[in-house]
């Protein structure tokens, strides 16, 4: 798909824990710096694949190094709450 979609549109893509919508709309900023910080100290990690990515790029383990001030339609974040 080359567009964003509403949540719960693909129930067959749920994880074994029943979690839906983990992939597809945007890459996500994570609380992680590029591991070789001595070489590129300003790069942050984004994970996953976003709209406009080829199907093989829609992987939760996909890591890219991105400048922190980067803004585009393929990068976002996920709001989460600790269950404890």
PDB file of N, CA and C in Angstrom:
ATOM      1  N   UNK A   1       0.832  -1.185   0.000  1.00  0.00           N
ATOM      2  CA  UNK A   1       0.000   0.000   0.000  1.00  0.00           C
ATOM      3  C   UNK A   1       0.869   1.238   0.000  1.00  0.00           C
ATOM      4  N   UNK A   2       0.400   2.254  -0.609  1.00  0.00           N
ATOM      5  CA  UNK A   2       1.134   3.517  -0.654  1.00  0.00           C
ATOM      6  C   UNK A   2       0.419   4.607   0.135  1.00  0.00           C
ATOM      7  N   UNK A   3      -0.558   4.195   0.965  1.00  0.00           N
ATOM      8  CA  UNK A   3      -1.329   5.154   1.756  1.00  0.00           C
ATOM      9  C   UNK A   3      -1.416   4.671   3.200  1.00  0.00           C
ATOM     10  N   UNK A   4      -1.743   5.570   4.115  1.00  0.00           N
ATOM     11  CA  UNK A   4      -1.998   5.153   5.493  1.00  0.00           C
ATOM     12  C   UNK A   4      -3.415   4.601   5.578  1.00  0.00           C
ATOM     13  N   UNK A   5      -3.675   3.812   6.611  1.00  0.00           N
ATOM     14  CA  UNK A   5      -5.004   3.222   6.797  1.00  0.00           C
ATOM     15  C   UNK A   5      -5.464   3.406   8.237  1.00  0.00           C
ATOM     16  N   UNK A   6      -6.726   3.190   8.464  1.00  0.00           N
ATOM     17  CA  UNK A   6      -7.264   3.221   9.821  1.00  0.00           C
ATOM     18  C   UNK A   6      -6.751   2.014  10.592  1.00  0.00           C
ATOM     19  N   UNK A   7      -6.775   2.113  11.906  1.00  0.00           N
ATOM     20  CA  UNK A   7      -6.334   0.990  12.738  1.00  0.00           C
ATOM     21  C   UNK A   7      -7.295  -0.187  12.605  1.00  0.00           C
ATOM     22  N   UNK A   8      -6.815  -1.358  12.888  1.00  0.00           N
ATOM     23  CA  UNK A   8      -7.539  -2.646  12.871  1.00  0.00           C
ATOM     24  C   UNK A   8      -8.089  -3.029  11.497  1.00  0.00           C
ATOM     25  N   UNK A   9      -7.496  -2.521  10.435  1.00  0.00           N
ATOM     26  CA  UNK A   9      -7.959  -2.874   9.087  1.00  0.00           C
ATOM     27  C   UNK A   9      -7.450  -4.232   8.626  1.00  0.00           C
ATOM     28  N   UNK A  10      -6.409  -4.772   9.286  1.00  0.00           N
ATOM     29  CA  UNK A  10      -5.811  -6.029   8.861  1.00  0.00           C
ATOM     30  C   UNK A  10      -5.700  -6.991  10.041  1.00  0.00           C
ATOM     31  N   UNK A  11      -6.819  -7.530  10.530  1.00  0.00           N
ATOM     32  CA  UNK A  11      -6.787  -8.405  11.708  1.00  0.00           C
ATOM     33  C   UNK A  11      -5.959  -9.673  11.506  1.00  0.00           C
ATOM     34  N   UNK A  12      -5.777 -10.112  10.265  1.00  0.00           N
ATOM     35  CA  UNK A  12      -4.963 -11.298  10.023  1.00  0.00           C
ATOM     36  C   UNK A  12      -3.482 -11.026  10.266  1.00  0.00           C
ATOM     37  N   UNK A  13      -3.114  -9.778  10.410  1.00  0.00           N
ATOM     38  CA  UNK A  13      -1.720  -9.422  10.666  1.00  0.00           C
ATOM     39  C   UNK A  13      -1.403  -9.268  12.142  1.00  0.00           C
ATOM     40  N   UNK A  14      -2.338  -9.647  13.017  1.00  0.00           N
ATOM     41  CA  UNK A  14      -2.122  -9.514  14.463  1.00  0.00           C
ATOM     42  C   UNK A  14      -0.991 -10.435  14.921  1.00  0.00           C
ATOM     43  N   UNK A  15      -0.268 -10.011  15.957  1.00  0.00           N
ATOM     44  CA  UNK A  15       0.800 -10.837  16.523  1.00  0.00           C
ATOM     45  C   UNK A  15       0.183 -12.014  17.288  1.00  0.00           C
ATOM     46  N   UNK A  16       1.028 -12.920  17.759  1.00  0.00           N
ATOM     47  CA  UNK A  16       0.537 -14.059  18.540  1.00  0.00           C
ATOM     48  C   UNK A  16      -0.102 -13.597  19.844  1.00  0.00           C
ATOM     49  N   UNK A  17       0.168 -12.361  20.252  1.00  0.00           N
ATOM     50  CA  UNK A  17      -0.429 -11.800  21.463  1.00  0.00           C
ATOM     51  C   UNK A  17      -1.683 -10.983  21.163  1.00  0.00           C
ATOM     52  N   UNK A  18      -2.086 -10.938  19.897  1.00  0.00           N
ATOM     53  CA  UNK A  18      -3.275 -10.203  19.509  1.00  0.00           C
ATOM     54  C   UNK A  18      -3.039  -8.732  19.230  1.00  0.00           C
ATOM     55  N   UNK A  19      -1.792  -8.297  19.238  1.00  0.00           N
ATOM     56  CA  UNK A  19      -1.475  -6.895  18.981  1.00  0.00           C
ATOM     57  C   UNK A  19      -1.578  -6.623  17.488  1.00  0.00           C
ATOM     58  N   UNK A  20      -2.259  -5.556  17.142  1.00  0.00           N
ATOM     59  CA  UNK A  20      -2.434  -5.184  15.741  1.00  0.00           C
ATOM     60  C   UNK A  20      -1.715  -3.877  15.424  1.00  0.00           C
ATOM     61  N   UNK A  21      -1.548  -3.641  14.138  1.00  0.00           N
ATOM     62  CA  UNK A  21      -1.059  -2.355  13.636  1.00  0.00           C
ATOM     63  C   UNK A  21       0.371  -2.023  14.062  1.00  0.00           C
ATOM     64  N   UNK A  22       1.226  -3.033  14.094  1.00  0.00           N
ATOM     65  CA  UNK A  22       2.618  -2.787  14.458  1.00  0.00           C
ATOM     66  C   UNK A  22       3.463  -2.312  13.291  1.00  0.00           C
ATOM     67  N   UNK A  23       3.016  -2.506  12.094  1.00  0.00           N
ATOM     68  CA  UNK A  23       3.821  -2.170  10.928  1.00  0.00           C
ATOM     69  C   UNK A  23       3.011  -1.395   9.908  1.00  0.00           C
ATOM     70  N   UNK A  24       3.716  -0.590   9.138  1.00  0.00           N
ATOM     71  CA  UNK A  24       3.103  -0.074   7.933  1.00  0.00           C
ATOM     72  C   UNK A  24       2.945   1.409   7.768  1.00  0.00           C
ATOM     73  N   UNK A  25       2.336   2.109   8.697  1.00  0.00           N
ATOM     74  CA  UNK A  25       2.071   3.516   8.427  1.00  0.00           C
ATOM     75  C   UNK A  25       3.334   4.364   8.465  1.00  0.00           C
ATOM     76  N   UNK A  26       4.143   4.234   9.495  1.00  0.00           N
ATOM     77  CA  UNK A  26       5.366   5.029   9.584  1.00  0.00           C
ATOM     78  C   UNK A  26       6.485   4.229  10.228  1.00  0.00           C
ATOM     79  N   UNK A  27       7.714   4.654   9.966  1.00  0.00           N
ATOM     80  CA  UNK A  27       8.834   4.186  10.757  1.00  0.00           C
ATOM     81  C   UNK A  27       8.675   4.850  12.108  1.00  0.00           C
ATOM     82  N   UNK A  28       9.261   4.261  13.147  1.00  0.00           N
ATOM     83  CA  UNK A  28       9.108   4.849  14.470  1.00  0.00           C
ATOM     84  C   UNK A  28      10.443   5.250  15.062  1.00  0.00           C
ATOM     85  N   UNK A  29      10.452   6.457  15.655  1.00  0.00           N
ATOM     86  CA  UNK A  29      11.616   6.869  16.429  1.00  0.00           C
ATOM     87  C   UNK A  29      11.680   5.974  17.656  1.00  0.00           C
ATOM     88  N   UNK A  30      12.863   5.537  18.032  1.00  0.00           N
ATOM     89  CA  UNK A  30      13.034   4.760  19.257  1.00  0.00           C
ATOM     90  C   UNK A  30      14.086   5.441  20.125  1.00  0.00           C
ATOM     91  N   UNK A  31      14.119   5.102  21.393  1.00  0.00           N
ATOM     92  CA  UNK A  31      15.050   5.710  22.335  1.00  0.00           C
ATOM     93  C   UNK A  31      16.402   5.009  22.222  1.00  0.00           C
ATOM     94  N   UNK A  32      17.070   5.239  21.104  1.00  0.00           N
ATOM     95  CA  UNK A  32      18.330   4.560  20.832  1.00  0.00           C
ATOM     96  C   UNK A  32      19.170   5.433  19.894  1.00  0.00           C
ATOM     97  N   UNK A  33      20.464   5.491  20.172  1.00  0.00           N
ATOM     98  CA  UNK A  33      21.394   6.229  19.315  1.00  0.00           C
ATOM     99  C   UNK A  33      22.103   5.270  18.390  1.00  0.00           C
ATOM    100  N   UNK A  34      22.654   5.786  17.320  1.00  0.00           N
ATOM    101  CA  UNK A  34      23.456   4.993  16.398  1.00  0.00           C
ATOM    102  C   UNK A  34      24.597   4.353  17.181  1.00  0.00           C
ATOM    103  N   UNK A  35      24.828   3.022  17.038  1.00  0.00           N
ATOM    104  CA  UNK A  35      25.797   2.322  17.893  1.00  0.00           C
ATOM    105  C   UNK A  35      27.246   2.783  17.732  1.00  0.00           C
ATOM    106  N   UNK A  36      27.617   3.311  16.628  1.00  0.00           N
ATOM    107  CA  UNK A  36      28.990   3.796  16.427  1.00  0.00           C
ATOM    108  C   UNK A  36      29.015   5.302  16.655  1.00  0.00           C
ATOM    109  N   UNK A  37      28.572   5.725  17.831  1.00  0.00           N
ATOM    110  CA  UNK A  37      28.391   7.148  18.117  1.00  0.00           C
ATOM    111  C   UNK A  37      29.665   7.967  17.930  1.00  0.00           C
ATOM    112  N   UNK A  38      30.810   7.345  18.046  1.00  0.00           N
ATOM    113  CA  UNK A  38      32.051   8.097  17.854  1.00  0.00           C
ATOM    114  C   UNK A  38      32.180   8.588  16.413  1.00  0.00           C
ATOM    115  N   UNK A  39      31.595   7.839  15.472  1.00  0.00           N
ATOM    116  CA  UNK A  39      31.676   8.225  14.063  1.00  0.00           C
ATOM    117  C   UNK A  39      30.554   9.163  13.654  1.00  0.00           C
ATOM    118  N   UNK A  40      29.343   8.921  14.162  1.00  0.00           N
ATOM    119  CA  UNK A  40      28.186   9.738  13.780  1.00  0.00           C
ATOM    120  C   UNK A  40      27.367  10.043  15.030  1.00  0.00           C
ATOM    121  N   UNK A  41      27.850  10.925  15.883  1.00  0.00           N
ATOM    122  CA  UNK A  41      27.195  11.133  17.181  1.00  0.00           C
ATOM    123  C   UNK A  41      25.788  11.698  17.114  1.00  0.00           C
ATOM    124  N   UNK A  42      25.382  12.230  15.980  1.00  0.00           N
ATOM    125  CA  UNK A  42      24.074  12.879  15.928  1.00  0.00           C
ATOM    126  C   UNK A  42      22.975  12.000  15.336  1.00  0.00           C
ATOM    127  N   UNK A  43      23.259  10.754  15.027  1.00  0.00           N
ATOM    128  CA  UNK A  43      22.259   9.908  14.373  1.00  0.00           C
ATOM    129  C   UNK A  43      21.422   9.138  15.397  1.00  0.00           C
ATOM    130  N   UNK A  44      20.105   9.160  15.199  1.00  0.00           N
ATOM    131  CA  UNK A  44      19.175   8.401  16.033  1.00  0.00           C
ATOM    132  C   UNK A  44      18.663   7.214  15.230  1.00  0.00           C
ATOM    133  N   UNK A  45      18.036   6.268  15.917  1.00  0.00           N
ATOM    134  CA  UNK A  45      17.538   5.061  15.271  1.00  0.00           C
ATOM    135  C   UNK A  45      16.037   5.192  15.010  1.00  0.00           C
ATOM    136  N   UNK A  46      15.633   4.831  13.805  1.00  0.00           N
ATOM    137  CA  UNK A  46      14.221   4.628  13.491  1.00  0.00           C
ATOM    138  C   UNK A  46      14.075   3.160  13.137  1.00  0.00           C
ATOM    139  N   UNK A  47      12.933   2.577  13.485  1.00  0.00           N
ATOM    140  CA  UNK A  47      12.709   1.156  13.222  1.00  0.00           C
ATOM    141  C   UNK A  47      11.413   0.950  12.473  1.00  0.00           C
ATOM    142  N   UNK A  48      11.349  -0.186  11.800  1.00  0.00           N
ATOM    143  CA  UNK A  48      10.154  -0.555  11.054  1.00  0.00           C
ATOM    144  C   UNK A  48      10.147   0.065   9.671  1.00  0.00           C
ATOM    145  N   UNK A  49       9.070  -0.144   8.976  1.00  0.00           N
ATOM    146  CA  UNK A  49       8.922   0.408   7.636  1.00  0.00           C
ATOM    147  C   UNK A  49       7.671   1.259   7.566  1.00  0.00           C
ATOM    148  N   UNK A  50       7.679   2.215   6.709  1.00  0.00           N
ATOM    149  CA  UNK A  50       6.539   3.107   6.580  1.00  0.00           C
ATOM    150  C   UNK A  50       5.892   3.019   5.212  1.00  0.00           C
ATOM    151  N   UNK A  51       4.845   3.784   5.046  1.00  0.00           N
ATOM    152  CA  UNK A  51       4.180   3.802   3.743  1.00  0.00           C
ATOM    153  C   UNK A  51       5.194   4.234   2.704  1.00  0.00           C
ATOM    154  N   UNK A  52       5.080   3.699   1.542  1.00  0.00           N
ATOM    155  CA  UNK A  52       6.051   3.998   0.508  1.00  0.00           C
ATOM    156  C   UNK A  52       7.216   3.021   0.497  1.00  0.00           C
ATOM    157  N   UNK A  53       7.344   2.189   1.538  1.00  0.00           N
ATOM    158  CA  UNK A  53       8.380   1.171   1.561  1.00  0.00           C
ATOM    159  C   UNK A  53       7.910  -0.032   0.749  1.00  0.00           C
ATOM    160  N   UNK A  54       8.828  -0.756   0.120  1.00  0.00           N
ATOM    161  CA  UNK A  54       8.427  -2.009  -0.521  1.00  0.00           C
ATOM    162  C   UNK A  54       8.034  -3.022   0.558  1.00  0.00           C
ATOM    163  N   UNK A  55       7.264  -4.022   0.212  1.00  0.00           N
ATOM    164  CA  UNK A  55       6.768  -5.007   1.186  1.00  0.00           C
ATOM    165  C   UNK A  55       7.900  -5.607   2.018  1.00  0.00           C
ATOM    166  N   UNK A  56       9.040  -5.905   1.402  1.00  0.00           N
ATOM    167  CA  UNK A  56      10.139  -6.506   2.157  1.00  0.00           C
ATOM    168  C   UNK A  56      10.748  -5.534   3.170  1.00  0.00           C
ATOM    169  N   UNK A  57      10.448  -4.260   3.058  1.00  0.00           N
ATOM    170  CA  UNK A  57      10.929  -3.272   4.017  1.00  0.00           C
ATOM    171  C   UNK A  57      10.024  -3.112   5.219  1.00  0.00           C
ATOM    172  N   UNK A  58       8.887  -3.783   5.236  1.00  0.00           N
ATOM    173  CA  UNK A  58       7.960  -3.689   6.367  1.00  0.00           C
ATOM    174  C   UNK A  58       8.306  -4.757   7.398  1.00  0.00           C
ATOM    175  N   UNK A  59       9.403  -4.558   8.064  1.00  0.00           N
ATOM    176  CA  UNK A  59       9.911  -5.493   9.063  1.00  0.00           C
ATOM    177  C   UNK A  59      10.167  -4.731  10.353  1.00  0.00           C
ATOM    178  N   UNK A  60       9.729  -5.280  11.503  1.00  0.00           N
ATOM    179  CA  UNK A  60       9.920  -4.567  12.766  1.00  0.00           C
ATOM    180  C   UNK A  60      11.392  -4.452  13.140  1.00  0.00           C
ATOM    181  N   UNK A  61      12.239  -5.334  12.623  1.00  0.00           N
ATOM    182  CA  UNK A  61      13.660  -5.297  12.963  1.00  0.00           C
ATOM    183  C   UNK A  61      14.455  -4.342  12.079  1.00  0.00           C
ATOM    184  N   UNK A  62      13.852  -3.791  11.045  1.00  0.00           N
ATOM    185  CA  UNK A  62      14.560  -2.880  10.146  1.00  0.00           C
ATOM    186  C   UNK A  62      15.013  -1.651  10.916  1.00  0.00           C
ATOM    187  N   UNK A  63      16.315  -1.375  10.917  1.00  0.00           N
ATOM    188  CA  UNK A  63      16.867  -0.215  11.623  1.00  0.00           C
ATOM    189  C   UNK A  63      17.502   0.720  10.619  1.00  0.00           C
ATOM    190  N   UNK A  64      17.221   1.993  10.787  1.00  0.00           N
ATOM    191  CA  UNK A  64      17.878   3.002   9.969  1.00  0.00           C
ATOM    192  C   UNK A  64      18.388   4.088  10.892  1.00  0.00           C
ATOM    193  N   UNK A  65      19.452   4.754  10.472  1.00  0.00           N
ATOM    194  CA  UNK A  65      20.033   5.824  11.266  1.00  0.00           C
ATOM    195  C   UNK A  65      19.634   7.143  10.627  1.00  0.00           C
ATOM    196  N   UNK A  66      19.009   7.984  11.440  1.00  0.00           N
ATOM    197  CA  UNK A  66      18.374   9.190  10.928  1.00  0.00           C
ATOM    198  C   UNK A  66      18.762  10.391  11.783  1.00  0.00           C
ATOM    199  N   UNK A  67      19.016  11.504  11.147  1.00  0.00           N
ATOM    200  CA  UNK A  67      19.319  12.736  11.891  1.00  0.00           C
ATOM    201  C   UNK A  67      18.102  13.126  12.732  1.00  0.00           C
ATOM    202  N   UNK A  68      18.310  13.499  14.005  1.00  0.00           N
ATOM    203  CA  UNK A  68      17.187  13.778  14.910  1.00  0.00           C
ATOM    204  C   UNK A  68      16.203  14.846  14.439  1.00  0.00           C
ATOM    205  N   UNK A  69      16.625  15.792  13.641  1.00  0.00           N
ATOM    206  CA  UNK A  69      15.724  16.850  13.194  1.00  0.00           C
ATOM    207  C   UNK A  69      15.010  16.509  11.890  1.00  0.00           C
ATOM    208  N   UNK A  70      15.176  15.288  11.400  1.00  0.00           N
ATOM    209  CA  UNK A  70      14.522  14.871  10.162  1.00  0.00           C
ATOM    210  C   UNK A  70      13.011  14.866  10.342  1.00  0.00           C
ATOM    211  N   UNK A  71      12.310  15.420   9.383  1.00  0.00           N
ATOM    212  CA  UNK A  71      10.843  15.435   9.389  1.00  0.00           C
ATOM    213  C   UNK A  71      10.362  14.980   8.027  1.00  0.00           C
ATOM    214  N   UNK A  72       9.549  13.944   7.987  1.00  0.00           N
ATOM    215  CA  UNK A  72       8.885  13.550   6.747  1.00  0.00           C
ATOM    216  C   UNK A  72       7.700  12.660   7.079  1.00  0.00           C
ATOM    217  N   UNK A  73       6.891  12.363   6.098  1.00  0.00           N
ATOM    218  CA  UNK A  73       5.650  11.614   6.305  1.00  0.00           C
ATOM    219  C   UNK A  73       5.871  10.155   6.656  1.00  0.00           C
ATOM    220  N   UNK A  74       7.086   9.646   6.525  1.00  0.00           N
ATOM    221  CA  UNK A  74       7.344   8.241   6.815  1.00  0.00           C
ATOM    222  C   UNK A  74       7.911   7.987   8.205  1.00  0.00           C
ATOM    223  N   UNK A  75       8.078   9.035   9.018  1.00  0.00           N
ATOM    224  CA  UNK A  75       8.639   8.850  10.358  1.00  0.00           C
ATOM    225  C   UNK A  75       7.658   9.387  11.386  1.00  0.00           C
ATOM    226  N   UNK A  76       7.397   8.588  12.413  1.00  0.00           N
ATOM    227  CA  UNK A  76       6.484   9.000  13.476  1.00  0.00           C
ATOM    228  C   UNK A  76       6.885   8.369  14.796  1.00  0.00           C
ATOM    229  N   UNK A  77       5.950   8.244  15.695  1.00  0.00           N
ATOM    230  CA  UNK A  77       6.222   7.606  16.973  1.00  0.00           C
ATOM    231  C   UNK A  77       4.959   6.911  17.453  1.00  0.00           C
ATOM    232  N   UNK A  78       5.114   6.007  18.402  1.00  0.00           N
ATOM    233  CA  UNK A  78       3.997   5.252  18.956  1.00  0.00           C
ATOM    234  C   UNK A  78       3.855   5.623  20.422  1.00  0.00           C
ATOM    235  N   UNK A  79       2.671   5.971  20.837  1.00  0.00           N
ATOM    236  CA  UNK A  79       2.406   6.250  22.246  1.00  0.00           C
ATOM    237  C   UNK A  79       2.118   4.911  22.935  1.00  0.00           C
ATOM    238  N   UNK A  80       2.794   4.672  24.031  1.00  0.00           N
ATOM    239  CA  UNK A  80       2.609   3.421  24.753  1.00  0.00           C
ATOM    240  C   UNK A  80       2.430   3.716  26.228  1.00  0.00           C
ATOM    241  N   UNK A  81       1.874   2.749  26.933  1.00  0.00           N
ATOM    242  CA  UNK A  81       1.699   2.859  28.371  1.00  0.00           C
ATOM    243  C   UNK A  81       2.159   1.564  29.003  1.00  0.00           C
ATOM    244  N   UNK A  82       2.937   1.665  30.069  1.00  0.00           N
ATOM    245  CA  UNK A  82       3.387   0.492  30.786  1.00  0.00           C
ATOM    246  C   UNK A  82       2.180  -0.211  31.414  1.00  0.00           C
ATOM    247  N   UNK A  83       2.114  -1.519  31.279  1.00  0.00           N
ATOM    248  CA  UNK A  83       0.959  -2.245  31.791  1.00  0.00           C
ATOM    249  C   UNK A  83       1.027  -2.537  33.277  1.00  0.00           C
ATOM    250  N   UNK A  84       2.178  -2.267  33.917  1.00  0.00           N
ATOM    251  CA  UNK A  84       2.294  -2.567  35.349  1.00  0.00           C
ATOM    252  C   UNK A  84       1.676  -1.503  36.218  1.00  0.00           C
TER     253      UNK A  84
END
